[in-house]
Amino acid sequence: MNIFDLYQRKIAETVVKMGQSGLLPTGLDVQKIVVEPPRDMAHGDLATNIALVLAKDAAMAPRALAELCLAPFSEFECVAKVEIAGPGFINLKLDPAIFHRLMGTVLEQKADFGRSQMGQGQKVNVEFVSANPTGPMHVGHGRGAVFGDALASLLSFAGFDVTREYYINDAGAQVDVLGRSAFLRYREALGEDIGDIPEGLYPGDYLIPVGEELAKSHGPTLLQLAEKEWLPIARSRAISMMMEMIREDLAALNIHHDVFFSERSLSHDGPVDLIRHMIDDLTALDLIYQGRLPPPKGAPMEDWEDREQTLFRASQFGDDVDRPLLKSDGSYTYFANDIAYHRSKFERGFPVMIDVWGADHGGYIKRMVAAVRAVTKGEGELDVKICQLVRLLRNGEQVRMSKRSGDFITLREVVDEVGRDAVRFMMLFRKNDATLDFDLAKVIEQSKENAVFYVQYAYARCSSVLRQAVGYSLSDGLVKCDRSGLTDQAELAVMHRISQFPRLVEAAALAHEPHRIAFYLYDLASDFHSLWNRGKDLRSLRFVIEDDHVLTQARLSLVEAVRIVLWTGLSVLGVSAPDEMR
């Protein structure tokens, strides 16, 4: 039951009827009408922009149009009061009966309350993490991992058919460096003193097991081979073992991908060179040409060369400049690989693609969006979500990380120290495009300032109340009980917050913003804790009133409704809902 959707439909139907009766012009676009919570809940339960968005087409002043709506809106079921605010907003105050009825719906639907069919089964590909398989993941990778996984869960809850995908960057110079680094550890495993790791190779201890595995599998035979012969062997084993480690790190966060797509399969290992095939197709469409690029203004462009190149007409699709697809040695640019990869997503049946990238890839968005428009002939949609940097702190002091030096705190170490729930929730308790301060000490505090504790504690409190409510029917009896006695402002605030959940799910899914769920859960927890505290101060507001069975059941049904919504929201975020907090 989505109250906002319910009244939006009522308002739209009323506009049509007013057009038929001559009060308004016919054919007004009711899709523009929005019903949402007012900014100040003292002004009502619902606010609509109807007068503002239809005034121009109706050739009326917004307030005049709003005046026309007062009488018909007052006739809506459970509307207690209708008022005009500001330049033409209309606020509606609802009778508490509709919120009482909604609590019964929550108890009936349980974990399906808020679930939407908005997506109508549309296939969506969410590609996230996609860290180079050159070592263990750090906390920055973890933020993208949690964001992508929560977004995929949110979209599934909103009715989309979601595939979680990881793009393995197993082609290019960085994995050759990985292979050489692993070969050095192989020599070490055979007993050679390798000294300090040369600059330019990966120095981390995480490659020692790779060297040992190579020594166990091949003995000293690789030493007799030229680099072009041993490098593919060392590279392949290193990539395999790094990906196994990455999968284990992700599993510690309860993150599991449906597809692992190899970059090498685009041209090196696949039966068809998909990149060449893509270039040929774009050439046939006159989207590839031979030309020269002017020197970049301002910041250097990493793929600029002062020579005639094979260029993609990216500027024709919204990019700033055209982009090269071939390097001077004839190999493909990263951009060419990425175009072919995204075309493969579209050809695999994903018209909607969401990429989760790190903070250093923001400048790459325009060209990739342009490329997707080109290779899908405008039928594909790409949304890139940037996850900004994570500053890892301990009691306010920054913990330094440096992946290339091997001196860094791994994601797995953070999960082991503070727990999966704290990592997941706190990674989502800030908008993805804002820098996140993650304090290892703060996220395990038991206080209101620790958001994950505050929300989980609200759930545990609900569970405790229901465990102690001996002698009251806690199943069908709560669904059908009389809730007319729930009239205190704190009770109404909780019910109103619960009523917002279905709308919030759809809005967050449309915006691709799972942090909205985390923010909402904190607000619901705050409302519930406030209600709890009022009951401590006023006996009449306690959840269990021994001499009033009807009111007790009503309040227990409200507690159960809060518990259900908290559990559902936490599940979408991949965070547990403990019955007890120790």
Protein backbone atom coordinates (compact mmCIF):
# COMPACT_ATOMS: atom_id res chain seq x y z
CA MET A 1 0.00 0.00 0.00
CA ASN A 2 1.66 3.19 -1.24
CA ILE A 3 -0.30 6.09 0.24
CA PHE A 4 1.43 8.63 -1.99
CA ASP A 5 0.66 6.63 -5.12
CA LEU A 6 -2.93 6.12 -3.93
CA TYR A 7 -3.60 9.85 -3.59
CA GLN A 8 -1.68 10.70 -6.76
CA ARG A 9 -4.11 8.48 -8.65
CA LYS A 10 -7.09 10.08 -6.88
CA ILE A 11 -5.83 13.56 -7.79
CA ALA A 12 -5.20 12.57 -11.42
CA GLU A 13 -8.70 11.10 -11.70
CA THR A 14 -10.14 14.28 -10.20
CA VAL A 15 -8.31 16.48 -12.74
CA VAL A 16 -9.83 14.42 -15.56
CA LYS A 17 -13.31 14.76 -14.04
CA MET A 18 -12.83 18.51 -13.57
CA GLY A 19 -11.90 18.71 -17.24
CA GLN A 20 -15.03 16.80 -18.24
CA SER A 21 -17.18 19.15 -16.13
CA GLY A 22 -15.58 22.27 -17.58
CA LEU A 23 -13.82 23.44 -14.42
CA LEU A 24 -10.44 22.77 -16.07
CA PRO A 25 -9.33 22.32 -19.68
CA THR A 26 -9.35 18.74 -20.93
CA GLY A 27 -6.17 16.85 -21.80
CA LEU A 28 -3.97 18.22 -19.00
CA ASP A 29 -0.84 16.10 -18.45
CA VAL A 30 -1.53 14.40 -15.11
CA GLN A 31 1.85 12.57 -15.30
CA LYS A 32 3.44 15.79 -14.04
CA ILE A 33 1.59 15.58 -10.74
CA VAL A 34 3.69 14.55 -7.75
CA VAL A 35 2.48 13.66 -4.26
CA GLU A 36 5.18 13.63 -1.60
CA PRO A 37 5.75 14.29 2.10
CA PRO A 38 5.77 18.01 2.94
CA ARG A 39 9.09 19.43 4.10
CA ASP A 40 7.50 20.32 7.45
CA MET A 41 5.19 17.60 8.73
CA ALA A 42 3.32 20.22 10.76
CA HIS A 43 1.82 21.32 7.44
CA GLY A 44 0.17 17.97 6.75
CA ASP A 45 0.80 14.39 5.67
CA LEU A 46 0.90 14.86 1.88
CA ALA A 47 1.87 17.70 -0.45
CA THR A 48 1.13 17.97 -4.16
CA ASN A 49 2.49 20.27 -6.86
CA ILE A 50 -0.61 19.96 -9.05
CA ALA A 51 -1.38 23.70 -9.21
CA LEU A 52 2.21 24.64 -10.05
CA VAL A 53 2.74 22.10 -12.85
CA LEU A 54 -0.68 22.45 -14.52
CA ALA A 55 -1.19 26.21 -14.19
CA LYS A 56 0.48 27.16 -17.48
CA ASP A 57 -1.39 24.57 -19.57
CA ALA A 58 -4.63 25.48 -17.81
CA ALA A 59 -3.97 29.21 -18.45
CA MET A 60 -4.58 29.96 -14.78
CA ALA A 61 -2.65 31.38 -11.85
CA PRO A 62 -1.37 28.53 -9.61
CA ARG A 63 -3.27 29.72 -6.54
CA ALA A 64 -6.46 30.09 -8.54
CA LEU A 65 -6.12 26.53 -9.79
CA ALA A 66 -5.36 25.38 -6.24
CA GLU A 67 -8.53 27.09 -4.98
CA LEU A 68 -10.56 25.04 -7.47
CA CYS A 69 -9.06 21.84 -6.06
CA LEU A 70 -9.88 22.45 -2.39
CA ALA A 71 -13.49 21.21 -2.49
CA PRO A 72 -12.99 18.01 -4.55
CA PHE A 73 -9.83 17.06 -2.62
CA SER A 74 -11.72 17.46 0.67
CA GLU A 75 -14.05 14.69 -0.50
CA PHE A 76 -11.23 12.12 -0.71
CA GLU A 77 -11.45 9.23 1.74
CA CYS A 78 -9.58 9.88 5.02
CA VAL A 79 -8.73 13.49 4.14
CA ALA A 80 -9.30 15.63 7.23
CA LYS A 81 -8.02 18.97 5.96
CA VAL A 82 -6.81 20.61 2.72
CA GLU A 83 -4.76 23.81 2.65
CA ILE A 84 -2.90 25.91 0.08
CA ALA A 85 0.71 26.77 0.90
CA GLY A 86 3.15 29.19 -0.71
CA PRO A 87 2.73 29.87 -4.44
CA GLY A 88 0.34 26.98 -4.98
CA PHE A 89 1.32 23.80 -3.17
CA ILE A 90 -1.60 21.90 -1.70
CA ASN A 91 -1.17 20.13 1.65
CA LEU A 92 -3.45 17.33 2.78
CA LYS A 93 -3.91 16.27 6.39
CA LEU A 94 -5.10 12.66 6.66
CA ASP A 95 -7.28 10.99 9.22
CA PRO A 96 -5.21 8.63 11.44
CA ALA A 97 -7.51 5.79 10.35
CA ILE A 98 -5.60 5.41 7.08
CA PHE A 99 -2.34 4.92 8.98
CA HIS A 100 -4.02 2.42 11.31
CA ARG A 101 -5.17 0.48 8.26
CA LEU A 102 -1.68 0.68 6.75
CA MET A 103 -0.15 -1.01 9.82
CA GLY A 104 -2.41 -3.99 9.14
CA THR A 105 -1.14 -4.08 5.56
CA VAL A 106 2.46 -4.13 6.82
CA LEU A 107 1.70 -7.05 9.11
CA GLU A 108 -0.05 -8.94 6.31
CA GLN A 109 2.64 -8.38 3.69
CA LYS A 110 5.57 -8.75 6.11
CA ALA A 111 8.88 -8.66 4.18
CA ASP A 112 7.01 -7.86 0.95
CA PHE A 113 5.82 -4.50 2.27
CA GLY A 114 7.48 -1.90 0.07
CA ARG A 115 8.31 -4.39 -2.67
CA SER A 116 7.49 -2.91 -6.06
CA GLN A 117 6.82 -4.15 -9.57
CA MET A 118 7.94 -0.83 -10.98
CA GLY A 119 10.80 -2.49 -12.89
CA GLN A 120 8.41 -4.89 -14.65
CA GLY A 121 11.19 -7.45 -14.98
CA GLN A 122 13.43 -5.22 -17.12
CA LYS A 123 16.94 -6.61 -17.31
CA VAL A 124 19.64 -4.49 -15.68
CA ASN A 125 23.38 -5.16 -15.58
CA VAL A 126 25.17 -3.75 -12.54
CA GLU A 127 28.93 -3.95 -12.98
CA PHE A 128 30.86 -3.16 -9.83
CA VAL A 129 34.20 -3.68 -8.11
CA SER A 130 36.08 -4.78 -11.28
CA ALA A 131 39.34 -4.14 -9.41
CA ASN A 132 42.53 -5.03 -11.27
CA PRO A 133 43.47 -8.56 -10.15
CA THR A 134 46.88 -7.38 -8.97
CA GLY A 135 46.40 -7.78 -5.22
CA PRO A 136 43.92 -7.80 -2.35
CA MET A 137 41.18 -5.22 -2.24
CA HIS A 138 41.49 -2.06 -0.18
CA VAL A 139 38.76 -0.05 1.53
CA GLY A 140 38.11 2.08 -1.57
CA HIS A 141 37.25 -1.08 -3.49
CA GLY A 142 35.00 -2.06 -0.60
CA ARG A 143 32.90 1.07 -0.94
CA GLY A 144 32.18 0.36 -4.60
CA ALA A 145 31.51 -3.28 -3.76
CA VAL A 146 28.96 -2.47 -1.05
CA PHE A 147 27.33 0.27 -3.13
CA GLY A 148 26.99 -1.96 -6.19
CA ASP A 149 25.65 -4.92 -4.25
CA ALA A 150 23.11 -2.79 -2.34
CA LEU A 151 22.01 -1.10 -5.56
CA ALA A 152 21.49 -4.49 -7.20
CA SER A 153 19.39 -5.64 -4.23
CA LEU A 154 17.38 -2.43 -4.27
CA LEU A 155 16.64 -2.77 -7.98
CA SER A 156 15.60 -6.40 -7.50
CA PHE A 157 13.26 -5.33 -4.68
CA ALA A 158 11.79 -2.74 -7.05
CA GLY A 159 10.98 -5.36 -9.68
CA PHE A 160 14.00 -5.32 -12.01
CA ASP A 161 15.78 -8.44 -13.24
CA VAL A 162 19.33 -7.72 -12.07
CA THR A 163 22.66 -9.33 -12.95
CA ARG A 164 25.73 -8.56 -10.86
CA GLU A 165 28.85 -8.49 -13.03
CA TYR A 166 32.60 -8.21 -12.42
CA TYR A 167 34.87 -7.16 -15.31
CA ILE A 168 38.24 -8.86 -14.88
CA ASN A 169 40.97 -6.57 -16.19
CA ASP A 170 43.21 -9.46 -17.23
CA ALA A 171 44.67 -7.86 -20.37
CA GLY A 172 47.17 -5.03 -20.64
CA ALA A 173 50.39 -3.87 -19.05
CA GLN A 174 49.32 -4.12 -15.41
CA VAL A 175 48.83 -7.90 -15.52
CA ASP A 176 52.17 -8.31 -17.28
CA VAL A 177 53.71 -6.47 -14.31
CA LEU A 178 51.79 -8.86 -12.07
CA GLY A 179 53.22 -11.84 -13.95
CA ARG A 180 56.79 -10.52 -13.61
CA SER A 181 56.22 -9.84 -9.91
CA ALA A 182 54.94 -13.39 -9.43
CA PHE A 183 57.94 -14.78 -11.31
CA LEU A 184 60.25 -12.94 -8.92
CA ARG A 185 58.46 -14.61 -6.00
CA TYR A 186 58.79 -17.92 -7.86
CA ARG A 187 62.55 -17.47 -7.94
CA GLU A 188 62.42 -16.66 -4.24
CA ALA A 189 60.44 -19.85 -3.56
CA LEU A 190 63.20 -21.81 -5.29
CA GLY A 191 65.70 -20.45 -2.78
CA GLU A 192 67.10 -17.41 -4.58
CA ASP A 193 67.80 -14.25 -2.56
CA ILE A 194 65.84 -11.68 -4.58
CA GLY A 195 66.76 -8.72 -2.36
CA ASP A 196 64.51 -5.66 -2.47
CA ILE A 197 61.59 -5.74 -4.89
CA PRO A 198 62.57 -3.60 -7.92
CA GLU A 199 60.61 -0.42 -8.45
CA GLY A 200 57.75 -0.95 -10.86
CA LEU A 201 56.87 -4.44 -9.58
CA TYR A 202 54.23 -5.27 -6.97
CA PRO A 203 56.00 -5.66 -3.62
CA GLY A 204 53.21 -7.09 -1.47
CA ASP A 205 53.62 -10.32 0.48
CA TYR A 206 50.36 -11.53 -1.06
CA LEU A 207 52.37 -12.73 -4.09
CA ILE A 208 54.54 -15.09 -2.02
CA PRO A 209 51.93 -17.91 -2.20
CA VAL A 210 51.75 -17.43 -5.98
CA GLY A 211 55.50 -17.93 -6.27
CA GLU A 212 55.30 -20.98 -4.03
CA GLU A 213 52.50 -22.47 -6.14
CA LEU A 214 54.50 -21.91 -9.34
CA ALA A 215 57.52 -23.58 -7.76
CA LYS A 216 55.40 -26.52 -6.62
CA SER A 217 53.79 -26.95 -10.06
CA HIS A 218 56.80 -26.35 -12.31
CA GLY A 219 59.92 -26.83 -10.22
CA PRO A 220 62.89 -24.99 -11.74
CA THR A 221 61.80 -25.54 -15.36
CA LEU A 222 60.50 -22.00 -15.86
CA LEU A 223 64.00 -20.66 -15.24
CA GLN A 224 65.09 -22.21 -18.52
CA LEU A 225 62.45 -20.37 -20.53
CA ALA A 226 62.53 -16.95 -22.20
CA GLU A 227 60.21 -14.30 -20.77
CA LYS A 228 57.74 -14.61 -23.63
CA GLU A 229 57.31 -18.27 -22.62
CA TRP A 230 57.20 -18.03 -18.82
CA LEU A 231 55.26 -14.75 -18.60
CA PRO A 232 51.88 -16.19 -19.76
CA ILE A 233 52.28 -19.04 -17.25
CA ALA A 234 53.14 -16.77 -14.31
CA ARG A 235 50.51 -14.23 -15.32
CA SER A 236 47.74 -16.79 -15.62
CA ARG A 237 48.49 -18.40 -12.24
CA ALA A 238 48.77 -15.01 -10.54
CA ILE A 239 45.48 -13.75 -11.99
CA SER A 240 43.72 -16.96 -10.96
CA MET A 241 44.99 -16.78 -7.39
CA MET A 242 44.34 -13.04 -7.08
CA MET A 243 40.76 -13.51 -8.27
CA GLU A 244 40.28 -16.32 -5.78
CA MET A 245 41.48 -13.97 -3.03
CA ILE A 246 39.20 -11.18 -4.28
CA ARG A 247 36.21 -13.55 -4.31
CA GLU A 248 36.98 -14.52 -0.72
CA ASP A 249 37.26 -10.87 0.31
CA LEU A 250 33.90 -10.14 -1.32
CA ALA A 251 32.32 -13.20 0.29
CA ALA A 252 33.36 -11.82 3.69
CA LEU A 253 30.97 -8.94 2.86
CA ASN A 254 28.37 -11.41 1.56
CA ILE A 255 28.88 -10.14 -1.99
CA HIS A 256 28.61 -12.64 -4.83
CA HIS A 257 28.67 -11.83 -8.53
CA ASP A 258 26.61 -13.67 -11.14
CA VAL A 259 29.08 -13.08 -13.99
CA PHE A 260 32.85 -12.69 -14.13
CA PHE A 261 33.67 -11.32 -17.59
CA SER A 262 37.26 -11.60 -18.82
CA GLU A 263 38.71 -8.65 -20.71
CA ARG A 264 40.98 -11.09 -22.57
CA SER A 265 37.92 -12.83 -24.01
CA LEU A 266 37.21 -9.73 -26.09
CA SER A 267 40.16 -10.29 -28.38
CA HIS A 268 42.85 -12.60 -26.98
CA ASP A 269 41.09 -15.75 -25.81
CA GLY A 270 37.71 -15.64 -27.51
CA PRO A 271 36.79 -17.32 -30.79
CA VAL A 272 36.13 -13.92 -32.37
CA ASP A 273 38.01 -10.65 -31.98
CA LEU A 274 35.05 -8.69 -30.64
CA ILE A 275 36.98 -5.43 -30.58
CA ARG A 276 37.91 -5.66 -34.27
CA HIS A 277 34.35 -6.67 -35.05
CA MET A 278 33.09 -3.58 -33.17
CA ILE A 279 35.52 -1.29 -35.02
CA ASP A 280 34.43 -2.75 -38.37
CA ASP A 281 30.77 -2.17 -37.55
CA LEU A 282 31.39 1.43 -36.47
CA THR A 283 33.45 2.00 -39.60
CA ALA A 284 30.52 0.82 -41.73
CA LEU A 285 28.39 3.43 -39.95
CA ASP A 286 30.98 6.12 -40.75
CA LEU A 287 31.74 6.54 -37.05
CA ILE A 288 35.45 5.70 -37.43
CA TYR A 289 37.93 7.81 -39.39
CA GLN A 290 41.63 8.50 -39.72
CA GLY A 291 42.60 11.88 -38.33
CA ARG A 292 44.72 13.92 -35.95
CA LEU A 293 43.70 15.25 -32.57
CA PRO A 294 44.65 18.78 -31.48
CA PRO A 295 46.81 19.03 -28.34
CA PRO A 296 44.61 18.93 -25.23
CA LYS A 297 43.95 22.18 -23.43
CA GLY A 298 44.57 22.25 -19.71
CA ALA A 299 44.95 18.79 -18.18
CA PRO A 300 46.83 16.26 -20.37
CA MET A 301 44.79 13.60 -22.16
CA GLU A 302 46.28 10.19 -21.43
CA ASP A 303 45.61 8.77 -24.89
CA TRP A 304 46.68 11.80 -26.96
CA GLU A 305 49.43 11.29 -29.56
CA ASP A 306 50.59 13.78 -32.18
CA ARG A 307 50.01 11.51 -35.16
CA GLU A 308 47.29 10.34 -37.51
CA GLN A 309 45.11 7.89 -35.64
CA THR A 310 42.05 5.69 -35.90
CA LEU A 311 39.42 7.84 -34.19
CA PHE A 312 35.86 7.25 -32.99
CA ARG A 313 33.43 10.14 -33.54
CA ALA A 314 32.65 10.43 -29.82
CA SER A 315 31.90 14.15 -30.14
CA GLN A 316 28.94 13.25 -32.35
CA PHE A 317 27.36 11.59 -29.30
CA GLY A 318 28.07 14.20 -26.65
CA ASP A 319 31.76 13.76 -25.81
CA ASP A 320 34.14 16.73 -25.85
CA VAL A 321 36.52 15.32 -28.48
CA ASP A 322 36.86 12.29 -30.72
CA ARG A 323 38.77 9.37 -29.20
CA PRO A 324 41.54 7.06 -30.48
CA LEU A 325 40.92 3.31 -30.68
CA LEU A 326 44.41 2.11 -31.65
CA LYS A 327 47.79 2.84 -30.06
CA SER A 328 50.89 3.60 -32.10
CA ASP A 329 51.97 -0.05 -31.85
CA GLY A 330 48.67 -1.20 -33.35
CA SER A 331 47.21 -2.54 -30.11
CA TYR A 332 43.80 -1.48 -28.90
CA THR A 333 43.34 1.41 -26.48
CA TYR A 334 41.55 0.78 -23.19
CA PHE A 335 38.65 2.76 -24.64
CA ALA A 336 38.32 0.35 -27.57
CA ASN A 337 38.21 -2.57 -25.13
CA ASP A 338 35.57 -0.82 -23.05
CA ILE A 339 33.36 -0.06 -26.05
CA ALA A 340 33.41 -3.70 -27.13
CA TYR A 341 32.72 -4.82 -23.57
CA HIS A 342 29.67 -2.60 -23.20
CA ARG A 343 28.40 -3.65 -26.60
CA SER A 344 28.63 -7.25 -25.38
CA LYS A 345 26.44 -6.33 -22.40
CA PHE A 346 23.80 -4.91 -24.72
CA GLU A 347 23.99 -7.95 -27.00
CA ARG A 348 23.58 -10.21 -23.95
CA GLY A 349 20.20 -8.58 -23.36
CA PHE A 350 20.89 -5.65 -21.03
CA PRO A 351 19.37 -2.41 -22.32
CA VAL A 352 20.13 -0.77 -18.95
CA MET A 353 23.73 -0.83 -17.76
CA ILE A 354 25.01 0.61 -14.49
CA ASP A 355 28.75 0.91 -13.90
CA VAL A 356 30.18 1.64 -10.45
CA TRP A 357 33.57 3.34 -10.78
CA GLY A 358 36.20 4.75 -8.49
CA ALA A 359 36.84 8.43 -7.87
CA ASP A 360 39.68 8.64 -10.41
CA HIS A 361 37.48 7.65 -13.37
CA GLY A 362 35.10 10.61 -13.45
CA GLY A 363 36.69 12.06 -16.59
CA TYR A 364 35.94 8.85 -18.47
CA ILE A 365 32.17 9.05 -18.17
CA LYS A 366 31.33 11.27 -21.15
CA ARG A 367 33.18 9.15 -23.68
CA MET A 368 31.72 5.91 -22.36
CA VAL A 369 28.15 7.23 -22.41
CA ALA A 370 28.79 8.46 -25.96
CA ALA A 371 30.15 5.07 -26.99
CA VAL A 372 27.13 3.22 -25.59
CA ARG A 373 24.79 5.52 -27.51
CA ALA A 374 26.72 4.75 -30.69
CA VAL A 375 27.08 0.96 -30.44
CA THR A 376 23.48 0.44 -29.31
CA LYS A 377 22.04 2.93 -31.83
CA GLY A 378 20.52 4.87 -28.98
CA GLU A 379 18.71 1.87 -27.50
CA GLY A 380 21.11 1.27 -24.62
CA GLU A 381 21.29 3.31 -21.43
CA LEU A 382 24.45 3.65 -19.34
CA ASP A 383 24.49 5.22 -15.88
CA VAL A 384 27.88 5.59 -14.22
CA LYS A 385 27.95 5.97 -10.45
CA ILE A 386 31.18 7.30 -8.95
CA CYS A 387 32.19 6.21 -5.47
CA GLN A 388 34.42 8.82 -3.93
CA LEU A 389 37.46 8.15 -1.78
CA VAL A 390 37.35 6.55 1.65
CA ARG A 391 39.54 8.05 4.35
CA LEU A 392 40.33 5.30 6.82
CA LEU A 393 40.67 6.67 10.35
CA ARG A 394 41.28 5.35 13.82
CA ASN A 395 40.08 7.71 16.58
CA GLY A 396 40.27 10.58 14.12
CA GLU A 397 43.81 9.83 12.94
CA GLN A 398 44.19 8.85 9.29
CA VAL A 399 45.47 5.36 8.52
CA ARG A 400 47.79 5.56 5.53
CA MET A 401 47.31 3.26 2.55
CA SER A 402 49.62 2.68 -0.40
CA LYS A 403 48.83 -0.28 -2.60
CA ARG A 404 51.96 0.01 -4.74
CA SER A 405 54.29 -0.09 -1.73
CA GLY A 406 52.50 -3.07 -0.25
CA ASP A 407 51.97 -1.07 2.96
CA PHE A 408 48.20 -0.75 3.23
CA ILE A 409 45.19 -1.89 5.22
CA THR A 410 43.23 -4.46 3.24
CA LEU A 411 39.45 -4.54 3.05
CA ARG A 412 39.50 -7.98 4.65
CA GLU A 413 41.40 -6.64 7.67
CA VAL A 414 38.78 -3.93 8.13
CA VAL A 415 35.91 -6.44 7.88
CA ASP A 416 37.62 -8.75 10.37
CA GLU A 417 38.14 -5.87 12.81
CA VAL A 418 34.73 -4.15 12.82
CA GLY A 419 32.41 -6.71 11.22
CA ARG A 420 30.50 -6.99 7.98
CA ASP A 421 27.45 -5.06 9.15
CA ALA A 422 29.42 -2.00 10.19
CA VAL A 423 31.33 -1.92 6.90
CA ARG A 424 28.23 -2.34 4.76
CA PHE A 425 25.97 0.12 6.57
CA MET A 426 28.54 2.86 7.05
CA MET A 427 29.68 2.62 3.42
CA LEU A 428 26.07 3.43 2.52
CA PHE A 429 25.42 6.05 5.18
CA ARG A 430 26.85 8.74 2.95
CA LYS A 431 26.04 9.57 -0.66
CA ASN A 432 28.35 7.70 -3.01
CA ASP A 433 29.76 10.84 -4.66
CA ALA A 434 30.90 12.34 -1.34
CA THR A 435 34.17 11.48 0.40
CA LEU A 436 33.63 9.09 3.30
CA ASP A 437 35.48 9.16 6.61
CA PHE A 438 35.46 5.62 8.00
CA ASP A 439 36.66 5.59 11.61
CA LEU A 440 37.48 2.09 12.82
CA ALA A 441 36.86 3.12 16.43
CA LYS A 442 33.61 5.05 15.89
CA VAL A 443 31.82 2.33 13.90
CA ILE A 444 31.86 -0.08 16.85
CA GLU A 445 30.68 2.42 19.46
CA GLN A 446 27.29 1.77 21.02
CA SER A 447 25.82 5.23 20.60
CA LYS A 448 23.39 7.24 18.48
CA GLU A 449 26.38 8.62 16.56
CA ASN A 450 27.08 5.09 15.30
CA ALA A 451 24.30 4.72 12.74
CA VAL A 452 24.49 0.97 12.26
CA PHE A 453 24.27 0.34 16.01
CA TYR A 454 21.40 2.82 16.33
CA VAL A 455 19.33 1.09 13.65
CA GLN A 456 20.11 -2.46 14.76
CA TYR A 457 19.37 -1.49 18.37
CA ALA A 458 15.91 -0.29 17.31
CA TYR A 459 15.26 -3.69 15.73
CA ALA A 460 16.54 -5.48 18.84
CA ARG A 461 14.30 -3.32 21.03
CA CYS A 462 11.29 -4.26 18.92
CA SER A 463 12.20 -7.93 19.24
CA SER A 464 12.62 -7.58 23.00
CA VAL A 465 9.19 -5.96 23.41
CA LEU A 466 7.51 -8.72 21.45
CA ARG A 467 9.37 -11.48 23.33
CA GLN A 468 8.19 -10.06 26.65
CA ALA A 469 4.57 -9.58 25.55
CA VAL A 470 3.44 -12.85 27.08
CA GLY A 471 -0.24 -13.62 26.80
CA TYR A 472 -1.01 -11.50 23.74
CA SER A 473 -1.81 -12.85 20.29
CA LEU A 474 1.16 -11.90 18.13
CA SER A 475 0.06 -13.33 14.80
CA ASP A 476 -3.37 -12.88 13.21
CA GLY A 477 -4.56 -11.08 16.32
CA LEU A 478 -2.19 -8.20 15.66
CA VAL A 479 -3.13 -7.99 11.98
CA LYS A 480 -6.81 -7.55 12.72
CA CYS A 481 -6.63 -5.66 16.01
CA ASP A 482 -8.27 -2.29 16.70
CA ARG A 483 -5.64 0.43 16.26
CA SER A 484 -7.93 3.43 16.77
CA GLY A 485 -6.25 4.11 20.12
CA LEU A 486 -2.93 4.98 18.44
CA THR A 487 -3.33 8.75 18.55
CA ASP A 488 -0.22 10.08 20.31
CA GLN A 489 1.98 12.28 18.14
CA ALA A 490 4.96 9.96 18.62
CA GLU A 491 2.87 6.99 17.46
CA LEU A 492 1.57 8.92 14.47
CA ALA A 493 5.13 9.99 13.58
CA VAL A 494 6.23 6.34 13.47
CA MET A 495 3.25 5.32 11.35
CA HIS A 496 3.79 8.21 8.97
CA ARG A 497 7.44 7.24 8.57
CA ILE A 498 6.44 3.66 7.78
CA SER A 499 3.96 4.93 5.18
CA GLN A 500 6.86 6.53 3.28
CA PHE A 501 8.76 3.26 2.77
CA PRO A 502 7.12 2.05 -0.50
CA ARG A 503 7.54 5.47 -2.11
CA LEU A 504 11.12 5.70 -0.91
CA VAL A 505 12.02 2.30 -2.39
CA GLU A 506 10.80 3.34 -5.83
CA ALA A 507 12.44 6.77 -5.69
CA ALA A 508 15.77 5.29 -4.55
CA ALA A 509 15.64 2.63 -7.26
CA LEU A 510 14.89 5.18 -9.99
CA ALA A 511 17.72 7.41 -8.82
CA HIS A 512 20.12 4.48 -8.32
CA GLU A 513 20.76 5.72 -4.77
CA PRO A 514 20.73 2.98 -2.11
CA HIS A 515 21.99 5.43 0.51
CA ARG A 516 18.40 6.72 0.74
CA ILE A 517 17.42 3.41 2.36
CA ALA A 518 20.16 3.80 4.99
CA PHE A 519 19.07 7.36 5.76
CA TYR A 520 15.44 6.27 6.01
CA LEU A 521 16.23 3.43 8.42
CA TYR A 522 18.10 5.82 10.69
CA ASP A 523 15.10 8.18 10.72
CA LEU A 524 12.68 5.33 11.44
CA ALA A 525 14.94 4.10 14.23
CA SER A 526 15.06 7.62 15.66
CA ASP A 527 11.25 7.87 15.60
CA PHE A 528 10.95 4.52 17.34
CA HIS A 529 13.54 5.33 20.02
CA SER A 530 11.65 8.58 20.70
CA LEU A 531 8.42 6.63 21.12
CA TRP A 532 10.20 4.19 23.45
CA ASN A 533 11.53 7.04 25.58
CA ARG A 534 8.07 8.65 25.86
CA GLY A 535 6.80 5.35 27.20
CA LYS A 536 9.50 5.38 29.85
CA ASP A 537 8.38 8.82 31.00
CA LEU A 538 4.62 8.30 30.66
CA ARG A 539 3.11 5.02 31.83
CA SER A 540 0.07 5.57 29.61
CA LEU A 541 2.32 5.35 26.53
CA ARG A 542 4.00 2.06 27.39
CA PHE A 543 3.70 -0.71 24.86
CA VAL A 544 2.08 -3.14 27.30
CA ILE A 545 -0.81 -1.82 29.42
CA GLU A 546 -1.83 -4.77 31.56
CA ASP A 547 -5.42 -3.63 32.12
CA ASP A 548 -6.04 -2.58 28.49
CA HIS A 549 -5.71 -5.56 26.16
CA VAL A 550 -7.04 -3.67 23.10
CA LEU A 551 -4.58 -0.80 23.36
CA THR A 552 -1.71 -3.19 24.12
CA GLN A 553 -2.40 -5.19 20.97
CA ALA A 554 -2.56 -2.00 18.93
CA ARG A 555 0.81 -0.87 20.22
CA LEU A 556 2.37 -4.30 19.76
CA SER A 557 1.14 -4.27 16.17
CA LEU A 558 2.92 -0.94 15.69
CA VAL A 559 6.12 -2.40 17.17
CA GLU A 560 5.85 -5.38 14.84
CA ALA A 561 5.34 -3.08 11.86
CA VAL A 562 8.50 -1.16 12.77
CA ARG A 563 10.38 -4.44 13.16
CA ILE A 564 9.24 -5.64 9.73
CA VAL A 565 10.27 -2.47 7.93
CA LEU A 566 13.64 -2.31 9.70
CA TRP A 567 14.30 -5.95 8.79
CA THR A 568 13.30 -5.38 5.18
CA GLY A 569 15.39 -2.25 4.75
CA LEU A 570 18.43 -3.83 6.40
CA SER A 571 18.03 -6.87 4.15
CA VAL A 572 18.07 -4.67 1.05
CA LEU A 573 21.35 -3.18 2.31
CA GLY A 574 22.77 -6.62 3.12
CA VAL A 575 22.95 -5.88 6.86
CA SER A 576 21.76 -8.28 9.55
CA ALA A 577 18.92 -7.57 11.97
CA PRO A 578 19.94 -9.05 15.35
CA ASP A 579 17.23 -9.90 17.87
CA GLU A 580 19.59 -9.00 20.70
CA MET A 581 22.47 -6.54 21.07
CA ARG A 582 25.25 -7.60 23.43
